[in-house]
Amino acid sequence: MTQWYYADAAGTQQGPIDTEALLAHYAAGGVQPATLVWREGLDGWQLLSAVAAELGLAEAELPAAAPLAPAAPLAPDVVYAGFWRRFAANVIDGFAIGLITLPVTLPMIFAAGIAGEHGGEAAVFGSLFVQLAVQLFAFFVTVIWFTCFHASRLMASPGKLAVGIKVVRSDGQRLNFGRSLGRGFAYYLSYLTLYIGFLIAAFTQRKQALHDLICDTLVVDRWAFTDQPQRQQRGLDVVTIVILCFYGLLLVGVVALVAVAVAVGIHAAH
């Protein structure tokens, strides 16, 4: 069944709707001969009068259209990535980054711990230095990870690819390396605000977190700003749902363990 899109009086894309629904809009006056319409297979947006024969409208049914003023560009239909899809993507990326960093950082932490227990004051300072080195190593790996993936042809880290989202400029263009690097560093500002920088993505109009606002970036569905915007997913994807269910079960398990520990402690006290 053919799916149509049309531009309403405000120039905003509407649809998809089938041919019968488009004809019903025309009969009700909501669509005019001068209305721009599009379907898959057309080279671009066309006047409804130009596809009248395809729609089964007789030429006599179409009143003469008044001369058209230059049309403003249609506002693109963009699905912004919500908080939960971004959360699931970060969980996946965090796990992947951990697989890279832990083989390096765990031996360092273990060695520093032993040195701190059996050494003198110098060993304690050395242990603190190692802890700082571990944090810096994890920091730079994370920045490089997101910078390279977001500036790549994919425009998305593995976590974002898994949930079907990507990072773009506010105009839909790909990030250059410099902007992607700046976003990688700005990402940590969201941590420094006690995670408030991440949480505001749930409340801003275009679902932007603090680092998005700073760097003029958007996180959108992978089909946004493409020639197939109708393929965008507006709800939660399967991967996000699985991640959220896993975290929900994990939270229930932690609460249950805490409750058991408290109960055992109270029983032992008596």
C-alpha atoms as a PDB file:
ATOM      1  CA  MET A   1       0.000   0.000   0.000  1.00  0.00           C
ATOM      2  CA  THR A   2       1.359   3.389  -1.006  1.00  0.00           C
ATOM      3  CA  GLN A   3       2.228   5.651   1.908  1.00  0.00           C
ATOM      4  CA  TRP A   4       2.053   9.410   1.392  1.00  0.00           C
ATOM      5  CA  TYR A   5       3.515  12.397   3.222  1.00  0.00           C
ATOM      6  CA  TYR A   6       2.290  15.956   2.879  1.00  0.00           C
ATOM      7  CA  ALA A   7       3.143  19.418   4.175  1.00  0.00           C
ATOM      8  CA  ASP A   8       0.462  21.088   6.279  1.00  0.00           C
ATOM      9  CA  ALA A   9      -0.316  24.808   6.296  1.00  0.00           C
ATOM     10  CA  ALA A  10       2.580  25.441   8.703  1.00  0.00           C
ATOM     11  CA  GLY A  11       5.037  23.649   6.411  1.00  0.00           C
ATOM     12  CA  THR A  12       5.433  20.692   8.777  1.00  0.00           C
ATOM     13  CA  GLN A  13       5.709  17.189   7.378  1.00  0.00           C
ATOM     14  CA  GLN A  14       2.711  14.941   8.122  1.00  0.00           C
ATOM     15  CA  GLY A  15       2.262  11.235   7.466  1.00  0.00           C
ATOM     16  CA  PRO A  16       2.595   8.531   6.543  1.00  0.00           C
ATOM     17  CA  ILE A  17      -1.017   8.051   5.406  1.00  0.00           C
ATOM     18  CA  ASP A  18      -2.486   5.835   2.716  1.00  0.00           C
ATOM     19  CA  THR A  19      -4.073   7.054  -0.520  1.00  0.00           C
ATOM     20  CA  GLU A  20      -7.630   6.880   0.843  1.00  0.00           C
ATOM     21  CA  ALA A  21      -6.720   9.042   3.824  1.00  0.00           C
ATOM     22  CA  LEU A  22      -4.999  11.571   1.564  1.00  0.00           C
ATOM     23  CA  LEU A  23      -8.096  11.797  -0.628  1.00  0.00           C
ATOM     24  CA  ALA A  24     -10.254  12.222   2.484  1.00  0.00           C
ATOM     25  CA  HIS A  25      -8.042  15.134   3.567  1.00  0.00           C
ATOM     26  CA  TYR A  26      -8.450  16.619   0.097  1.00  0.00           C
ATOM     27  CA  ALA A  27     -12.238  16.269   0.216  1.00  0.00           C
ATOM     28  CA  ALA A  28     -12.298  17.950   3.635  1.00  0.00           C
ATOM     29  CA  GLY A  29     -10.171  20.829   2.413  1.00  0.00           C
ATOM     30  CA  GLY A  30      -7.163  19.965   4.541  1.00  0.00           C
ATOM     31  CA  VAL A  31      -5.085  19.261   1.438  1.00  0.00           C
ATOM     32  CA  GLN A  32      -5.093  21.577  -1.563  1.00  0.00           C
ATOM     33  CA  PRO A  33      -3.900  21.240  -5.170  1.00  0.00           C
ATOM     34  CA  ALA A  34      -0.902  23.375  -4.185  1.00  0.00           C
ATOM     35  CA  THR A  35      -0.042  21.150  -1.194  1.00  0.00           C
ATOM     36  CA  LEU A  36       3.352  19.473  -1.387  1.00  0.00           C
ATOM     37  CA  VAL A  37       3.175  15.667  -1.255  1.00  0.00           C
ATOM     38  CA  TRP A  38       5.708  12.866  -1.440  1.00  0.00           C
ATOM     39  CA  ARG A  39       5.847   9.087  -1.603  1.00  0.00           C
ATOM     40  CA  GLU A  40       8.667   6.628  -2.012  1.00  0.00           C
ATOM     41  CA  GLY A  41       9.762   6.611  -5.636  1.00  0.00           C
ATOM     42  CA  LEU A  42       9.205  10.309  -6.352  1.00  0.00           C
ATOM     43  CA  ASP A  43      12.301  12.377  -7.078  1.00  0.00           C
ATOM     44  CA  GLY A  44      11.215  14.976  -4.548  1.00  0.00           C
ATOM     45  CA  TRP A  45       8.213  16.783  -3.121  1.00  0.00           C
ATOM     46  CA  GLN A  46       5.513  17.422  -5.750  1.00  0.00           C
ATOM     47  CA  LEU A  47       2.373  19.522  -5.902  1.00  0.00           C
ATOM     48  CA  LEU A  48      -0.717  17.419  -5.340  1.00  0.00           C
ATOM     49  CA  SER A  49      -2.008  18.644  -8.697  1.00  0.00           C
ATOM     50  CA  ALA A  50       1.044  17.058 -10.359  1.00  0.00           C
ATOM     51  CA  VAL A  51       0.073  13.589  -9.090  1.00  0.00           C
ATOM     52  CA  ALA A  52      -3.688  14.031  -9.524  1.00  0.00           C
ATOM     53  CA  ALA A  53      -3.916  11.294 -12.147  1.00  0.00           C
ATOM     54  CA  GLU A  54      -2.167   8.807  -9.880  1.00  0.00           C
ATOM     55  CA  LEU A  55      -4.598   9.662  -7.078  1.00  0.00           C
ATOM     56  CA  GLY A  56      -7.589   9.263  -9.355  1.00  0.00           C
ATOM     57  CA  LEU A  57      -8.569  12.936  -9.257  1.00  0.00           C
ATOM     58  CA  ALA A  58     -10.081  14.204 -12.484  1.00  0.00           C
ATOM     59  CA  GLU A  59      -8.566  17.432 -13.787  1.00  0.00           C
ATOM     60  CA  ALA A  60     -11.982  19.072 -13.518  1.00  0.00           C
ATOM     61  CA  GLU A  61     -11.988  18.407  -9.765  1.00  0.00           C
ATOM     62  CA  LEU A  62      -8.877  20.498  -9.263  1.00  0.00           C
ATOM     63  CA  PRO A  63      -9.500  24.233  -9.075  1.00  0.00           C
ATOM     64  CA  ALA A  64      -6.873  26.451 -10.590  1.00  0.00           C
ATOM     65  CA  ALA A  65      -4.157  27.042  -8.041  1.00  0.00           C
ATOM     66  CA  ALA A  66      -3.065  30.550  -7.214  1.00  0.00           C
ATOM     67  CA  PRO A  67       0.561  31.392  -7.957  1.00  0.00           C
ATOM     68  CA  LEU A  68       2.730  30.000  -5.208  1.00  0.00           C
ATOM     69  CA  ALA A  69       5.090  32.048  -3.108  1.00  0.00           C
ATOM     70  CA  PRO A  70       8.475  30.405  -2.595  1.00  0.00           C
ATOM     71  CA  ALA A  71       7.913  27.638  -0.074  1.00  0.00           C
ATOM     72  CA  ALA A  72       9.887  27.544   3.138  1.00  0.00           C
ATOM     73  CA  PRO A  73      11.922  24.367   3.624  1.00  0.00           C
ATOM     74  CA  LEU A  74      10.006  21.615   5.353  1.00  0.00           C
ATOM     75  CA  ALA A  75      10.924  21.069   8.971  1.00  0.00           C
ATOM     76  CA  PRO A  76      12.534  17.614   9.084  1.00  0.00           C
ATOM     77  CA  ASP A  77      10.793  14.889  11.053  1.00  0.00           C
ATOM     78  CA  VAL A  78      13.341  14.094  13.767  1.00  0.00           C
ATOM     79  CA  VAL A  79      12.983  11.565  16.581  1.00  0.00           C
ATOM     80  CA  TYR A  80      15.266  12.579  19.435  1.00  0.00           C
ATOM     81  CA  ALA A  81      16.816   9.822  21.538  1.00  0.00           C
ATOM     82  CA  GLY A  82      15.146   9.798  24.937  1.00  0.00           C
ATOM     83  CA  PHE A  83      16.803   9.372  28.309  1.00  0.00           C
ATOM     84  CA  TRP A  84      16.329   5.601  28.525  1.00  0.00           C
ATOM     85  CA  ARG A  85      17.774   4.802  25.085  1.00  0.00           C
ATOM     86  CA  ARG A  86      20.795   6.933  25.933  1.00  0.00           C
ATOM     87  CA  PHE A  87      21.102   5.233  29.322  1.00  0.00           C
ATOM     88  CA  ALA A  88      21.087   1.775  27.718  1.00  0.00           C
ATOM     89  CA  ALA A  89      23.703   2.889  25.179  1.00  0.00           C
ATOM     90  CA  ASN A  90      25.955   4.152  27.990  1.00  0.00           C
ATOM     91  CA  VAL A  91      25.608   0.849  29.842  1.00  0.00           C
ATOM     92  CA  ILE A  92      26.819  -1.045  26.774  1.00  0.00           C
ATOM     93  CA  ASP A  93      29.654   1.398  26.106  1.00  0.00           C
ATOM     94  CA  GLY A  94      30.674   1.343  29.764  1.00  0.00           C
ATOM     95  CA  PHE A  95      30.883  -2.448  29.686  1.00  0.00           C
ATOM     96  CA  ALA A  96      32.987  -2.370  26.501  1.00  0.00           C
ATOM     97  CA  ILE A  97      35.321   0.305  27.884  1.00  0.00           C
ATOM     98  CA  GLY A  98      35.682  -1.747  31.058  1.00  0.00           C
ATOM     99  CA  LEU A  99      36.850  -4.737  29.007  1.00  0.00           C
ATOM    100  CA  ILE A 100      39.602  -2.514  27.597  1.00  0.00           C
ATOM    101  CA  THR A 101      40.705  -0.776  30.789  1.00  0.00           C
ATOM    102  CA  LEU A 102      40.387  -3.469  33.458  1.00  0.00           C
ATOM    103  CA  PRO A 103      43.203  -5.736  32.158  1.00  0.00           C
ATOM    104  CA  VAL A 104      45.518  -2.729  32.590  1.00  0.00           C
ATOM    105  CA  THR A 105      44.115  -1.096  35.712  1.00  0.00           C
ATOM    106  CA  LEU A 106      43.372  -4.140  37.889  1.00  0.00           C
ATOM    107  CA  PRO A 107      47.018  -5.307  38.147  1.00  0.00           C
ATOM    108  CA  MET A 108      48.048  -1.712  38.912  1.00  0.00           C
ATOM    109  CA  ILE A 109      45.441  -1.416  41.675  1.00  0.00           C
ATOM    110  CA  PHE A 110      46.368  -4.820  43.103  1.00  0.00           C
ATOM    111  CA  ALA A 111      50.091  -4.004  43.146  1.00  0.00           C
ATOM    112  CA  ALA A 112      49.460  -0.570  44.674  1.00  0.00           C
ATOM    113  CA  GLY A 113      47.321  -2.119  47.415  1.00  0.00           C
ATOM    114  CA  ILE A 114      50.020  -4.606  48.384  1.00  0.00           C
ATOM    115  CA  ALA A 115      52.698  -1.899  48.372  1.00  0.00           C
ATOM    116  CA  GLY A 116      50.552   0.361  50.529  1.00  0.00           C
ATOM    117  CA  GLU A 117      50.029  -2.356  53.154  1.00  0.00           C
ATOM    118  CA  HIS A 118      53.635  -3.485  53.464  1.00  0.00           C
ATOM    119  CA  GLY A 119      55.592  -0.344  52.654  1.00  0.00           C
ATOM    120  CA  GLY A 120      56.269   2.889  54.441  1.00  0.00           C
ATOM    121  CA  GLU A 121      55.064   6.403  53.811  1.00  0.00           C
ATOM    122  CA  ALA A 122      56.649   6.486  50.359  1.00  0.00           C
ATOM    123  CA  ALA A 123      54.717   3.356  49.401  1.00  0.00           C
ATOM    124  CA  VAL A 124      51.471   4.992  50.484  1.00  0.00           C
ATOM    125  CA  PHE A 125      52.163   8.008  48.288  1.00  0.00           C
ATOM    126  CA  GLY A 126      53.104   5.661  45.469  1.00  0.00           C
ATOM    127  CA  SER A 127      49.806   3.863  45.913  1.00  0.00           C
ATOM    128  CA  LEU A 128      47.927   7.157  45.681  1.00  0.00           C
ATOM    129  CA  PHE A 129      49.851   8.026  42.524  1.00  0.00           C
ATOM    130  CA  VAL A 130      48.867   4.702  40.968  1.00  0.00           C
ATOM    131  CA  GLN A 131      45.215   5.332  41.837  1.00  0.00           C
ATOM    132  CA  LEU A 132      45.424   8.701  40.083  1.00  0.00           C
ATOM    133  CA  ALA A 133      47.093   7.102  37.064  1.00  0.00           C
ATOM    134  CA  VAL A 134      44.314   4.518  36.876  1.00  0.00           C
ATOM    135  CA  GLN A 135      41.642   7.222  36.883  1.00  0.00           C
ATOM    136  CA  LEU A 136      43.439   9.242  34.209  1.00  0.00           C
ATOM    137  CA  PHE A 137      43.906   6.164  32.048  1.00  0.00           C
ATOM    138  CA  ALA A 138      40.194   5.329  32.235  1.00  0.00           C
ATOM    139  CA  PHE A 139      39.353   8.979  31.525  1.00  0.00           C
ATOM    140  CA  PHE A 140      41.448   9.183  28.361  1.00  0.00           C
ATOM    141  CA  VAL A 141      40.290   5.796  27.056  1.00  0.00           C
ATOM    142  CA  THR A 142      36.679   6.927  27.476  1.00  0.00           C
ATOM    143  CA  VAL A 143      37.287  10.260  25.727  1.00  0.00           C
ATOM    144  CA  ILE A 144      39.131   8.601  22.829  1.00  0.00           C
ATOM    145  CA  TRP A 145      36.418   5.933  22.550  1.00  0.00           C
ATOM    146  CA  PHE A 146      33.556   8.388  22.150  1.00  0.00           C
ATOM    147  CA  THR A 147      35.557  10.909  20.106  1.00  0.00           C
ATOM    148  CA  CYS A 148      36.626   8.432  17.441  1.00  0.00           C
ATOM    149  CA  PHE A 149      33.282   6.673  17.115  1.00  0.00           C
ATOM    150  CA  HIS A 150      31.148   9.829  17.079  1.00  0.00           C
ATOM    151  CA  ALA A 151      33.362  11.481  14.443  1.00  0.00           C
ATOM    152  CA  SER A 152      33.379   8.347  12.298  1.00  0.00           C
ATOM    153  CA  ARG A 153      31.162   7.503   9.349  1.00  0.00           C
ATOM    154  CA  LEU A 154      28.892   5.608  11.783  1.00  0.00           C
ATOM    155  CA  MET A 155      28.340   8.733  13.948  1.00  0.00           C
ATOM    156  CA  ALA A 156      27.711   6.411  16.892  1.00  0.00           C
ATOM    157  CA  SER A 157      29.557   4.394  19.511  1.00  0.00           C
ATOM    158  CA  PRO A 158      28.879   0.633  19.704  1.00  0.00           C
ATOM    159  CA  GLY A 159      26.354   1.225  22.485  1.00  0.00           C
ATOM    160  CA  LYS A 160      24.463   3.779  20.413  1.00  0.00           C
ATOM    161  CA  LEU A 161      24.562   1.510  17.372  1.00  0.00           C
ATOM    162  CA  ALA A 162      23.039  -1.279  19.460  1.00  0.00           C
ATOM    163  CA  VAL A 163      20.020   0.840  20.429  1.00  0.00           C
ATOM    164  CA  GLY A 164      19.718   2.554  17.033  1.00  0.00           C
ATOM    165  CA  ILE A 165      20.768   6.134  17.780  1.00  0.00           C
ATOM    166  CA  LYS A 166      23.558   8.473  16.634  1.00  0.00           C
ATOM    167  CA  VAL A 167      25.188  11.840  17.436  1.00  0.00           C
ATOM    168  CA  VAL A 168      24.914  14.753  14.985  1.00  0.00           C
ATOM    169  CA  ARG A 169      25.195  18.527  14.854  1.00  0.00           C
ATOM    170  CA  SER A 170      21.998  20.475  15.484  1.00  0.00           C
ATOM    171  CA  ASP A 171      21.551  20.718  11.693  1.00  0.00           C
ATOM    172  CA  GLY A 172      21.931  16.957  11.238  1.00  0.00           C
ATOM    173  CA  GLN A 173      25.511  17.052   9.960  1.00  0.00           C
ATOM    174  CA  ARG A 174      28.260  14.710  11.079  1.00  0.00           C
ATOM    175  CA  LEU A 175      30.605  15.881  13.848  1.00  0.00           C
ATOM    176  CA  ASN A 176      34.155  16.755  12.884  1.00  0.00           C
ATOM    177  CA  PHE A 177      36.963  15.407  15.040  1.00  0.00           C
ATOM    178  CA  GLY A 178      37.471  18.644  16.981  1.00  0.00           C
ATOM    179  CA  ARG A 179      33.837  18.981  18.004  1.00  0.00           C
ATOM    180  CA  SER A 180      33.656  15.287  18.848  1.00  0.00           C
ATOM    181  CA  LEU A 181      36.753  15.649  21.040  1.00  0.00           C
ATOM    182  CA  GLY A 182      35.248  18.673  22.786  1.00  0.00           C
ATOM    183  CA  ARG A 183      32.063  16.712  23.408  1.00  0.00           C
ATOM    184  CA  GLY A 184      34.143  13.873  24.853  1.00  0.00           C
ATOM    185  CA  PHE A 185      35.665  16.208  27.442  1.00  0.00           C
ATOM    186  CA  ALA A 186      32.364  18.018  28.075  1.00  0.00           C
ATOM    187  CA  TYR A 187      30.820  14.610  28.797  1.00  0.00           C
ATOM    188  CA  TYR A 188      32.670  14.606  32.122  1.00  0.00           C
ATOM    189  CA  LEU A 189      31.096  17.901  33.137  1.00  0.00           C
ATOM    190  CA  SER A 190      27.859  15.947  33.423  1.00  0.00           C
ATOM    191  CA  TYR A 191      29.581  13.743  36.009  1.00  0.00           C
ATOM    192  CA  LEU A 192      30.906  16.767  37.908  1.00  0.00           C
ATOM    193  CA  THR A 193      27.342  18.071  38.280  1.00  0.00           C
ATOM    194  CA  LEU A 194      26.463  14.887  40.220  1.00  0.00           C
ATOM    195  CA  TYR A 195      24.859  13.386  37.104  1.00  0.00           C
ATOM    196  CA  ILE A 196      22.419  16.293  36.752  1.00  0.00           C
ATOM    197  CA  GLY A 197      24.021  16.992  33.372  1.00  0.00           C
ATOM    198  CA  PHE A 198      22.809  13.594  32.183  1.00  0.00           C
ATOM    199  CA  LEU A 199      19.385  13.808  33.805  1.00  0.00           C
ATOM    200  CA  ILE A 200      18.427  17.050  32.071  1.00  0.00           C
ATOM    201  CA  ALA A 201      18.207  15.076  28.817  1.00  0.00           C
ATOM    202  CA  ALA A 202      14.866  13.816  30.135  1.00  0.00           C
ATOM    203  CA  PHE A 203      13.481  17.363  30.329  1.00  0.00           C
ATOM    204  CA  THR A 204      15.013  19.471  27.535  1.00  0.00           C
ATOM    205  CA  GLN A 205      12.943  19.999  24.394  1.00  0.00           C
ATOM    206  CA  ARG A 206      15.327  18.152  22.090  1.00  0.00           C
ATOM    207  CA  LYS A 207      16.476  15.625  24.724  1.00  0.00           C
ATOM    208  CA  GLN A 208      19.884  17.286  25.068  1.00  0.00           C
ATOM    209  CA  ALA A 209      22.199  16.583  27.990  1.00  0.00           C
ATOM    210  CA  LEU A 210      24.603  19.207  29.328  1.00  0.00           C
ATOM    211  CA  HIS A 211      27.434  18.196  26.973  1.00  0.00           C
ATOM    212  CA  ASP A 212      25.030  18.384  24.004  1.00  0.00           C
ATOM    213  CA  LEU A 213      24.004  21.917  24.933  1.00  0.00           C
ATOM    214  CA  ILE A 214      27.643  22.968  25.285  1.00  0.00           C
ATOM    215  CA  CYS A 215      28.750  21.460  21.960  1.00  0.00           C
ATOM    216  CA  ASP A 216      25.605  22.067  19.852  1.00  0.00           C
ATOM    217  CA  THR A 217      24.935  18.376  19.286  1.00  0.00           C
ATOM    218  CA  LEU A 218      21.880  16.141  19.206  1.00  0.00           C
ATOM    219  CA  VAL A 219      21.370  12.447  19.852  1.00  0.00           C
ATOM    220  CA  VAL A 220      18.735  11.193  17.423  1.00  0.00           C
ATOM    221  CA  ASP A 221      17.349   8.022  15.898  1.00  0.00           C
ATOM    222  CA  ARG A 222      19.728   6.529  13.347  1.00  0.00           C
ATOM    223  CA  TRP A 223      17.253   7.236  10.510  1.00  0.00           C
ATOM    224  CA  ALA A 224      16.861  10.915  11.377  1.00  0.00           C
ATOM    225  CA  PHE A 225      18.233  13.367   8.801  1.00  0.00           C
ATOM    226  CA  THR A 226      18.191  10.660   6.109  1.00  0.00           C
ATOM    227  CA  ASP A 227      16.027  10.061   3.045  1.00  0.00           C
ATOM    228  CA  GLN A 228      14.013   7.481   5.036  1.00  0.00           C
ATOM    229  CA  PRO A 229      12.757   9.362   8.125  1.00  0.00           C
ATOM    230  CA  GLN A 230       9.682   7.128   8.278  1.00  0.00           C
ATOM    231  CA  ARG A 231      11.912   4.307   9.573  1.00  0.00           C
ATOM    232  CA  GLN A 232      12.642   6.152  12.818  1.00  0.00           C
ATOM    233  CA  GLN A 233      11.601   4.371  16.006  1.00  0.00           C
ATOM    234  CA  ARG A 234       9.627   6.509  18.430  1.00  0.00           C
ATOM    235  CA  GLY A 235       9.367   4.023  21.288  1.00  0.00           C
ATOM    236  CA  LEU A 236      11.905   1.908  23.135  1.00  0.00           C
ATOM    237  CA  ASP A 237      13.845  -0.625  21.095  1.00  0.00           C
ATOM    238  CA  VAL A 238      14.328  -4.255  22.119  1.00  0.00           C
ATOM    239  CA  VAL A 239      17.931  -3.776  23.290  1.00  0.00           C
ATOM    240  CA  THR A 240      16.963  -0.873  25.555  1.00  0.00           C
ATOM    241  CA  ILE A 241      14.101  -2.877  27.052  1.00  0.00           C
ATOM    242  CA  VAL A 242      16.438  -5.808  27.776  1.00  0.00           C
ATOM    243  CA  ILE A 243      19.002  -3.508  29.445  1.00  0.00           C
ATOM    244  CA  LEU A 244      16.324  -1.818  31.570  1.00  0.00           C
ATOM    245  CA  CYS A 245      14.867  -5.178  32.641  1.00  0.00           C
ATOM    246  CA  PHE A 246      18.336  -6.405  33.599  1.00  0.00           C
ATOM    247  CA  TYR A 247      18.980  -3.293  35.671  1.00  0.00           C
ATOM    248  CA  GLY A 248      15.560  -3.574  37.272  1.00  0.00           C
ATOM    249  CA  LEU A 249      16.260  -7.151  38.333  1.00  0.00           C
ATOM    250  CA  LEU A 250      19.718  -6.146  39.553  1.00  0.00           C
ATOM    251  CA  LEU A 251      18.216  -3.356  41.659  1.00  0.00           C
ATOM    252  CA  VAL A 252      15.657  -5.732  43.166  1.00  0.00           C
ATOM    253  CA  GLY A 253      18.457  -8.174  43.971  1.00  0.00           C
ATOM    254  CA  VAL A 254      20.563  -5.499  45.684  1.00  0.00           C
ATOM    255  CA  VAL A 255      17.591  -4.303  47.750  1.00  0.00           C
ATOM    256  CA  ALA A 256      16.829  -7.903  48.734  1.00  0.00           C
ATOM    257  CA  LEU A 257      20.442  -8.519  49.815  1.00  0.00           C
ATOM    258  CA  VAL A 258      20.473  -5.329  51.891  1.00  0.00           C
ATOM    259  CA  ALA A 259      17.189  -6.322  53.520  1.00  0.00           C
ATOM    260  CA  VAL A 260      18.555  -9.783  54.348  1.00  0.00           C
ATOM    261  CA  ALA A 261      21.767  -8.286  55.780  1.00  0.00           C
ATOM    262  CA  VAL A 262      19.777  -5.880  57.964  1.00  0.00           C
ATOM    263  CA  ALA A 263      17.500  -8.676  59.159  1.00  0.00           C
ATOM    264  CA  VAL A 264      20.489 -10.895  60.021  1.00  0.00           C
ATOM    265  CA  GLY A 265      22.140  -8.014  61.879  1.00  0.00           C
ATOM    266  CA  ILE A 266      19.004  -7.318  63.917  1.00  0.00           C
ATOM    267  CA  HIS A 267      18.621 -11.025  64.720  1.00  0.00           C
ATOM    268  CA  ALA A 268      22.272 -11.279  65.810  1.00  0.00           C
ATOM    269  CA  ALA A 269      21.901  -8.217  68.048  1.00  0.00           C
ATOM    270  CA  HIS A 270      19.125  -9.958  69.936  1.00  0.00           C
END
